[in-house]
Amino acid sequence: MEQPAANHVLSAFDKAVTRFLPDYRNPRLGGESTSGSFLLVDRGAATLPVRLLSDGERGVLAMVMDLTRRLAQANPEMTDPAAEAEAVVLIDEIELHLHPGWQRRIIRNLTKTFPKCQFIATTHSPQIIGELEHDRIHIMAEGEVYSPTHSFGVDSSRVLEEIMDADPRNKKVKILLSKISRTIGDNSYDDAHALLTGLANLLGRDDPEVTRIRTLLDFMTGDA
């Protein structure tokens, strides 16, 4: 790559990375290693080799830089191709290797960094689904394509159960909860207390579901 073109791409990298990851800036080639030059990035006051970042951080940096490089090469006349260029971008399993916290930010950060690009992505992440308006989601199942009635702001457990048709809880815990509910319905409070002890051993005494059932049993037995 000729020097002016290389400088253009590096400048585009810096703008895009700073928008996508405000704590990171100035991506650049560093010193020599046994395999050649390596990439450095500034994070706060520190300078780090990109190889020391987490898998998720390296993954999103690679995505942003690869897309920026393509946009810069296709639009050499643009000062900030990431912000100015139009494109359709396809991403398979966008949540791959991302911490759940990153999954909640990835769509918002991509659309902020590349505002004129249209992103079409597949996902199985309830965190990502919960960050999108329902009409931006298309579910393909049993030969049909449809959108959920709601999604944005819905918690991950509800997304799993109502949108993705998946159990939000471990099967053993779900069965135990159902058994406790039936036992309370039959007024078998001693049995319910015994089952609750087993549930607390699995989830912890301070789990909200354990607390709810304990409070209900205390009320039903007059121990409140």
C-alpha atoms as a PDB file:
ATOM      1  CA  MET A   1       0.000   0.000   0.000  1.00  0.00           C
ATOM      2  CA  GLU A   2       1.417   3.413  -0.990  1.00  0.00           C
ATOM      3  CA  GLN A   3       2.181   5.812   1.878  1.00  0.00           C
ATOM      4  CA  PRO A   4      -0.658   8.339   1.254  1.00  0.00           C
ATOM      5  CA  ALA A   5      -3.171   5.498   1.013  1.00  0.00           C
ATOM      6  CA  ALA A   6      -1.725   3.853   4.127  1.00  0.00           C
ATOM      7  CA  ASN A   7      -1.957   7.117   6.053  1.00  0.00           C
ATOM      8  CA  HIS A   8      -5.553   7.532   4.899  1.00  0.00           C
ATOM      9  CA  VAL A   9      -6.451   4.080   6.213  1.00  0.00           C
ATOM     10  CA  LEU A  10      -4.632   4.621   9.536  1.00  0.00           C
ATOM     11  CA  SER A  11      -6.449   7.935  10.030  1.00  0.00           C
ATOM     12  CA  ALA A  12      -9.764   6.184   9.308  1.00  0.00           C
ATOM     13  CA  PHE A  13      -8.842   3.436  11.811  1.00  0.00           C
ATOM     14  CA  ASP A  14      -8.195   5.994  14.536  1.00  0.00           C
ATOM     15  CA  LYS A  15     -11.530   7.784  14.018  1.00  0.00           C
ATOM     16  CA  ALA A  16     -13.541   4.560  13.884  1.00  0.00           C
ATOM     17  CA  VAL A  17     -11.872   2.872  16.854  1.00  0.00           C
ATOM     18  CA  THR A  18     -12.266   5.988  19.018  1.00  0.00           C
ATOM     19  CA  ARG A  19     -15.989   6.172  18.226  1.00  0.00           C
ATOM     20  CA  PHE A  20     -16.545   2.466  18.780  1.00  0.00           C
ATOM     21  CA  LEU A  21     -14.382   2.159  21.904  1.00  0.00           C
ATOM     22  CA  PRO A  22     -14.008   5.613  23.508  1.00  0.00           C
ATOM     23  CA  ASP A  23     -11.329   4.304  25.908  1.00  0.00           C
ATOM     24  CA  TYR A  24      -9.135   3.167  23.000  1.00  0.00           C
ATOM     25  CA  ARG A  25      -7.299   5.307  20.483  1.00  0.00           C
ATOM     26  CA  ASN A  26      -4.346   5.547  18.123  1.00  0.00           C
ATOM     27  CA  PRO A  27      -4.117   1.997  16.707  1.00  0.00           C
ATOM     28  CA  ARG A  28      -0.723   1.621  15.045  1.00  0.00           C
ATOM     29  CA  LEU A  29       2.016  -0.788  14.172  1.00  0.00           C
ATOM     30  CA  GLY A  30       4.559  -1.223  16.945  1.00  0.00           C
ATOM     31  CA  GLY A  31       8.017  -2.709  17.288  1.00  0.00           C
ATOM     32  CA  GLU A  32       9.269  -5.914  15.834  1.00  0.00           C
ATOM     33  CA  SER A  33       8.478  -9.375  17.187  1.00  0.00           C
ATOM     34  CA  THR A  34       9.671 -12.765  15.972  1.00  0.00           C
ATOM     35  CA  SER A  35       6.779 -12.771  13.496  1.00  0.00           C
ATOM     36  CA  GLY A  36       7.116  -9.130  12.396  1.00  0.00           C
ATOM     37  CA  SER A  37       5.391  -5.888  13.400  1.00  0.00           C
ATOM     38  CA  PHE A  38       2.494  -6.028  15.845  1.00  0.00           C
ATOM     39  CA  LEU A  39      -0.464  -3.766  16.521  1.00  0.00           C
ATOM     40  CA  LEU A  40      -0.514  -1.351  19.458  1.00  0.00           C
ATOM     41  CA  VAL A  41      -3.423   0.619  20.867  1.00  0.00           C
ATOM     42  CA  ASP A  42      -3.635   3.252  23.612  1.00  0.00           C
ATOM     43  CA  ARG A  43      -6.095   2.559  26.440  1.00  0.00           C
ATOM     44  CA  GLY A  44      -6.241   5.406  28.920  1.00  0.00           C
ATOM     45  CA  ALA A  45      -2.650   6.303  29.778  1.00  0.00           C
ATOM     46  CA  ALA A  46      -1.296   2.867  28.830  1.00  0.00           C
ATOM     47  CA  THR A  47      -0.097   1.519  25.503  1.00  0.00           C
ATOM     48  CA  LEU A  48      -0.920  -2.142  24.960  1.00  0.00           C
ATOM     49  CA  PRO A  49      -0.238  -4.718  22.267  1.00  0.00           C
ATOM     50  CA  VAL A  50      -3.599  -5.765  20.882  1.00  0.00           C
ATOM     51  CA  ARG A  51      -2.666  -9.412  21.503  1.00  0.00           C
ATOM     52  CA  LEU A  52      -2.948  -8.753  25.265  1.00  0.00           C
ATOM     53  CA  LEU A  53      -6.600  -7.710  25.031  1.00  0.00           C
ATOM     54  CA  SER A  54      -9.417 -10.155  25.707  1.00  0.00           C
ATOM     55  CA  ASP A  55     -10.790 -12.319  22.904  1.00  0.00           C
ATOM     56  CA  GLY A  56     -13.904 -10.160  22.752  1.00  0.00           C
ATOM     57  CA  GLU A  57     -11.946  -6.904  22.602  1.00  0.00           C
ATOM     58  CA  ARG A  58      -9.670  -8.258  19.885  1.00  0.00           C
ATOM     59  CA  GLY A  59     -12.700  -9.550  18.012  1.00  0.00           C
ATOM     60  CA  VAL A  60     -14.573  -6.248  17.943  1.00  0.00           C
ATOM     61  CA  LEU A  61     -11.379  -4.315  17.137  1.00  0.00           C
ATOM     62  CA  ALA A  62     -10.682  -6.657  14.227  1.00  0.00           C
ATOM     63  CA  MET A  63     -14.259  -6.244  12.968  1.00  0.00           C
ATOM     64  CA  VAL A  64     -14.153  -2.451  13.174  1.00  0.00           C
ATOM     65  CA  MET A  65     -10.720  -2.185  11.571  1.00  0.00           C
ATOM     66  CA  ASP A  66     -11.477  -4.646   8.770  1.00  0.00           C
ATOM     67  CA  LEU A  67     -14.706  -2.869   7.853  1.00  0.00           C
ATOM     68  CA  THR A  68     -13.021   0.538   8.077  1.00  0.00           C
ATOM     69  CA  ARG A  69     -10.174  -0.661   5.844  1.00  0.00           C
ATOM     70  CA  ARG A  70     -12.627  -1.858   3.194  1.00  0.00           C
ATOM     71  CA  LEU A  71     -14.627   1.371   3.312  1.00  0.00           C
ATOM     72  CA  ALA A  72     -11.453   3.500   3.146  1.00  0.00           C
ATOM     73  CA  GLN A  73     -10.086   1.580   0.164  1.00  0.00           C
ATOM     74  CA  ALA A  74     -13.424   1.802  -1.663  1.00  0.00           C
ATOM     75  CA  ASN A  75     -13.831   5.515  -0.890  1.00  0.00           C
ATOM     76  CA  PRO A  76     -10.357   7.123  -0.943  1.00  0.00           C
ATOM     77  CA  GLU A  77     -11.850  10.601  -1.372  1.00  0.00           C
ATOM     78  CA  MET A  78     -13.674  10.476   1.991  1.00  0.00           C
ATOM     79  CA  THR A  79     -12.090  12.034   5.074  1.00  0.00           C
ATOM     80  CA  ASP A  80     -13.940   9.693   7.446  1.00  0.00           C
ATOM     81  CA  PRO A  81     -15.159   6.702   5.424  1.00  0.00           C
ATOM     82  CA  ALA A  82     -16.501   4.855   8.485  1.00  0.00           C
ATOM     83  CA  ALA A  83     -18.894   7.735   9.148  1.00  0.00           C
ATOM     84  CA  GLU A  84     -19.615   8.688   5.520  1.00  0.00           C
ATOM     85  CA  ALA A  85     -19.628   5.533   3.397  1.00  0.00           C
ATOM     86  CA  GLU A  86     -22.705   3.434   2.660  1.00  0.00           C
ATOM     87  CA  ALA A  87     -22.563  -0.362   2.660  1.00  0.00           C
ATOM     88  CA  VAL A  88     -24.525  -3.487   3.499  1.00  0.00           C
ATOM     89  CA  VAL A  89     -22.644  -5.606   6.065  1.00  0.00           C
ATOM     90  CA  LEU A  90     -23.464  -9.257   6.794  1.00  0.00           C
ATOM     91  CA  ILE A  91     -22.315 -10.709  10.133  1.00  0.00           C
ATOM     92  CA  ASP A  92     -22.882 -14.303  11.209  1.00  0.00           C
ATOM     93  CA  GLU A  93     -23.259 -14.961  14.967  1.00  0.00           C
ATOM     94  CA  ILE A  94     -22.445 -11.403  15.957  1.00  0.00           C
ATOM     95  CA  GLU A  95     -22.242 -12.335  19.643  1.00  0.00           C
ATOM     96  CA  LEU A  96     -19.414 -14.855  19.109  1.00  0.00           C
ATOM     97  CA  HIS A  97     -16.752 -14.620  21.876  1.00  0.00           C
ATOM     98  CA  LEU A  98     -18.392 -11.506  23.358  1.00  0.00           C
ATOM     99  CA  HIS A  99     -19.041 -11.070  27.077  1.00  0.00           C
ATOM    100  CA  PRO A 100     -22.801 -10.482  27.741  1.00  0.00           C
ATOM    101  CA  GLY A 101     -22.028  -6.855  28.572  1.00  0.00           C
ATOM    102  CA  TRP A 102     -20.393  -6.413  25.173  1.00  0.00           C
ATOM    103  CA  GLN A 103     -23.346  -8.149  23.535  1.00  0.00           C
ATOM    104  CA  ARG A 104     -25.602  -5.420  24.889  1.00  0.00           C
ATOM    105  CA  ARG A 105     -23.389  -2.691  23.370  1.00  0.00           C
ATOM    106  CA  ILE A 106     -22.284  -4.202  20.067  1.00  0.00           C
ATOM    107  CA  ILE A 107     -25.263  -3.125  17.906  1.00  0.00           C
ATOM    108  CA  ARG A 108     -25.417   0.395  19.341  1.00  0.00           C
ATOM    109  CA  ASN A 109     -21.651   0.848  18.900  1.00  0.00           C
ATOM    110  CA  LEU A 110     -21.636  -0.453  15.341  1.00  0.00           C
ATOM    111  CA  THR A 111     -24.469   1.802  14.202  1.00  0.00           C
ATOM    112  CA  LYS A 112     -22.819   4.793  15.941  1.00  0.00           C
ATOM    113  CA  THR A 113     -19.462   4.079  14.283  1.00  0.00           C
ATOM    114  CA  PHE A 114     -20.849   3.251  10.820  1.00  0.00           C
ATOM    115  CA  PRO A 115     -24.083   5.295  10.699  1.00  0.00           C
ATOM    116  CA  LYS A 116     -24.695   4.921   6.965  1.00  0.00           C
ATOM    117  CA  CYS A 117     -24.149   1.151   6.841  1.00  0.00           C
ATOM    118  CA  GLN A 118     -26.946  -1.377   7.014  1.00  0.00           C
ATOM    119  CA  PHE A 119     -26.085  -4.353   9.224  1.00  0.00           C
ATOM    120  CA  ILE A 120     -27.740  -7.735   8.759  1.00  0.00           C
ATOM    121  CA  ALA A 121     -26.658 -10.135  11.495  1.00  0.00           C
ATOM    122  CA  THR A 122     -27.631 -13.513  12.880  1.00  0.00           C
ATOM    123  CA  THR A 123     -27.703 -14.079  16.621  1.00  0.00           C
ATOM    124  CA  HIS A 124     -28.833 -16.453  19.355  1.00  0.00           C
ATOM    125  CA  SER A 125     -28.157 -13.923  22.120  1.00  0.00           C
ATOM    126  CA  PRO A 126     -31.035 -12.751  24.350  1.00  0.00           C
ATOM    127  CA  GLN A 127     -28.872  -9.757  25.330  1.00  0.00           C
ATOM    128  CA  ILE A 128     -28.671  -8.578  21.725  1.00  0.00           C
ATOM    129  CA  ILE A 129     -32.373  -9.198  21.107  1.00  0.00           C
ATOM    130  CA  GLY A 130     -33.224  -7.180  24.221  1.00  0.00           C
ATOM    131  CA  GLU A 131     -31.377  -4.182  22.756  1.00  0.00           C
ATOM    132  CA  LEU A 132     -33.326  -4.101  19.479  1.00  0.00           C
ATOM    133  CA  GLU A 133     -36.802  -2.875  18.595  1.00  0.00           C
ATOM    134  CA  HIS A 134     -39.094  -5.759  17.671  1.00  0.00           C
ATOM    135  CA  ASP A 135     -39.521  -4.699  14.025  1.00  0.00           C
ATOM    136  CA  ARG A 136     -35.755  -4.954  13.501  1.00  0.00           C
ATOM    137  CA  ILE A 137     -35.794  -8.648  14.434  1.00  0.00           C
ATOM    138  CA  HIS A 138     -36.794 -11.418  12.035  1.00  0.00           C
ATOM    139  CA  ILE A 139     -37.174 -14.914  13.434  1.00  0.00           C
ATOM    140  CA  MET A 140     -36.923 -17.845  11.020  1.00  0.00           C
ATOM    141  CA  ALA A 141     -38.631 -20.966  12.316  1.00  0.00           C
ATOM    142  CA  GLU A 142     -40.581 -23.840  10.789  1.00  0.00           C
ATOM    143  CA  GLY A 143     -40.527 -22.315   7.322  1.00  0.00           C
ATOM    144  CA  GLU A 144     -41.833 -18.929   8.469  1.00  0.00           C
ATOM    145  CA  VAL A 145     -40.293 -15.505   9.038  1.00  0.00           C
ATOM    146  CA  TYR A 146     -41.873 -13.207  11.622  1.00  0.00           C
ATOM    147  CA  SER A 147     -41.069 -10.497  14.156  1.00  0.00           C
ATOM    148  CA  PRO A 148     -41.801 -10.720  17.886  1.00  0.00           C
ATOM    149  CA  THR A 149     -44.443  -8.408  19.340  1.00  0.00           C
ATOM    150  CA  HIS A 150     -41.913  -6.899  21.771  1.00  0.00           C
ATOM    151  CA  SER A 151     -38.196  -7.139  22.470  1.00  0.00           C
ATOM    152  CA  PHE A 152     -36.486  -3.843  23.346  1.00  0.00           C
ATOM    153  CA  GLY A 153     -35.874  -3.587  27.091  1.00  0.00           C
ATOM    154  CA  VAL A 154     -37.229  -7.074  27.801  1.00  0.00           C
ATOM    155  CA  ASP A 155     -35.037  -8.926  30.308  1.00  0.00           C
ATOM    156  CA  SER A 156     -32.989 -11.880  29.114  1.00  0.00           C
ATOM    157  CA  SER A 157     -35.102 -14.512  30.904  1.00  0.00           C
ATOM    158  CA  ARG A 158     -38.263 -13.321  29.189  1.00  0.00           C
ATOM    159  CA  VAL A 159     -36.480 -13.124  25.833  1.00  0.00           C
ATOM    160  CA  LEU A 160     -35.394 -16.754  26.232  1.00  0.00           C
ATOM    161  CA  GLU A 161     -38.865 -17.932  27.171  1.00  0.00           C
ATOM    162  CA  GLU A 162     -41.176 -15.719  25.100  1.00  0.00           C
ATOM    163  CA  ILE A 163     -39.149 -15.002  21.972  1.00  0.00           C
ATOM    164  CA  MET A 164     -36.576 -17.785  21.676  1.00  0.00           C
ATOM    165  CA  ASP A 165     -38.794 -20.581  23.030  1.00  0.00           C
ATOM    166  CA  ALA A 166     -36.077 -21.757  25.406  1.00  0.00           C
ATOM    167  CA  ASP A 167     -36.225 -22.560  29.118  1.00  0.00           C
ATOM    168  CA  PRO A 168     -34.771 -19.665  31.127  1.00  0.00           C
ATOM    169  CA  ARG A 169     -33.964 -22.035  34.009  1.00  0.00           C
ATOM    170  CA  ASN A 170     -32.107 -25.272  34.501  1.00  0.00           C
ATOM    171  CA  LYS A 171     -34.498 -28.201  33.962  1.00  0.00           C
ATOM    172  CA  LYS A 172     -33.866 -29.706  37.421  1.00  0.00           C
ATOM    173  CA  VAL A 173     -34.624 -26.396  39.130  1.00  0.00           C
ATOM    174  CA  LYS A 174     -37.728 -25.877  36.989  1.00  0.00           C
ATOM    175  CA  ILE A 175     -39.087 -29.301  38.003  1.00  0.00           C
ATOM    176  CA  LEU A 176     -38.337 -28.585  41.664  1.00  0.00           C
ATOM    177  CA  LEU A 177     -40.145 -25.246  41.503  1.00  0.00           C
ATOM    178  CA  SER A 178     -43.192 -26.905  39.963  1.00  0.00           C
ATOM    179  CA  LYS A 179     -43.145 -29.576  42.671  1.00  0.00           C
ATOM    180  CA  ILE A 180     -42.986 -26.942  45.424  1.00  0.00           C
ATOM    181  CA  SER A 181     -45.899 -25.076  43.845  1.00  0.00           C
ATOM    182  CA  ARG A 182     -48.032 -28.236  43.728  1.00  0.00           C
ATOM    183  CA  THR A 183     -47.107 -29.127  47.302  1.00  0.00           C
ATOM    184  CA  ILE A 184     -48.132 -25.690  48.576  1.00  0.00           C
ATOM    185  CA  GLY A 185     -51.364 -25.994  46.587  1.00  0.00           C
ATOM    186  CA  ASP A 186     -52.065 -29.282  48.401  1.00  0.00           C
ATOM    187  CA  ASN A 187     -51.422 -27.566  51.782  1.00  0.00           C
ATOM    188  CA  SER A 188     -48.513 -29.957  52.429  1.00  0.00           C
ATOM    189  CA  TYR A 189     -46.377 -27.292  54.045  1.00  0.00           C
ATOM    190  CA  ASP A 190     -43.895 -29.613  55.774  1.00  0.00           C
ATOM    191  CA  ASP A 191     -43.107 -31.239  52.436  1.00  0.00           C
ATOM    192  CA  ALA A 192     -42.860 -27.788  50.836  1.00  0.00           C
ATOM    193  CA  HIS A 193     -40.349 -26.668  53.490  1.00  0.00           C
ATOM    194  CA  ALA A 194     -38.249 -29.788  52.823  1.00  0.00           C
ATOM    195  CA  LEU A 195     -38.289 -29.125  49.075  1.00  0.00           C
ATOM    196  CA  LEU A 196     -37.453 -25.471  49.694  1.00  0.00           C
ATOM    197  CA  THR A 197     -34.344 -26.545  51.600  1.00  0.00           C
ATOM    198  CA  GLY A 198     -33.216 -28.486  48.541  1.00  0.00           C
ATOM    199  CA  LEU A 199     -33.920 -25.477  46.318  1.00  0.00           C
ATOM    200  CA  ALA A 200     -31.927 -23.186  48.617  1.00  0.00           C
ATOM    201  CA  ASN A 201     -29.002 -25.605  48.458  1.00  0.00           C
ATOM    202  CA  LEU A 202     -29.032 -25.286  44.672  1.00  0.00           C
ATOM    203  CA  LEU A 203     -29.680 -21.555  44.272  1.00  0.00           C
ATOM    204  CA  GLY A 204     -28.546 -20.077  47.598  1.00  0.00           C
ATOM    205  CA  ARG A 205     -30.631 -18.890  50.524  1.00  0.00           C
ATOM    206  CA  ASP A 206     -30.818 -15.325  49.210  1.00  0.00           C
ATOM    207  CA  ASP A 207     -32.043 -16.212  45.723  1.00  0.00           C
ATOM    208  CA  PRO A 208     -35.190 -14.142  44.950  1.00  0.00           C
ATOM    209  CA  GLU A 209     -37.247 -17.263  44.163  1.00  0.00           C
ATOM    210  CA  VAL A 210     -36.180 -18.937  47.415  1.00  0.00           C
ATOM    211  CA  THR A 211     -37.041 -15.774  49.354  1.00  0.00           C
ATOM    212  CA  ARG A 212     -40.435 -15.513  47.663  1.00  0.00           C
ATOM    213  CA  ILE A 213     -41.367 -19.111  48.469  1.00  0.00           C
ATOM    214  CA  ARG A 214     -40.082 -18.832  52.041  1.00  0.00           C
ATOM    215  CA  THR A 215     -42.164 -15.677  52.576  1.00  0.00           C
ATOM    216  CA  LEU A 216     -45.237 -17.380  51.113  1.00  0.00           C
ATOM    217  CA  LEU A 217     -44.805 -20.423  53.369  1.00  0.00           C
ATOM    218  CA  ASP A 218     -44.334 -18.234  56.444  1.00  0.00           C
ATOM    219  CA  PHE A 219     -47.549 -16.415  55.582  1.00  0.00           C
ATOM    220  CA  MET A 220     -49.485 -19.637  54.931  1.00  0.00           C
ATOM    221  CA  THR A 221     -48.308 -21.250  58.170  1.00  0.00           C
ATOM    222  CA  GLY A 222     -48.666 -18.139  60.315  1.00  0.00           C
ATOM    223  CA  ASP A 223     -44.935 -17.761  60.930  1.00  0.00           C
ATOM    224  CA  ALA A 224     -44.679 -14.320  59.291  1.00  0.00           C
END
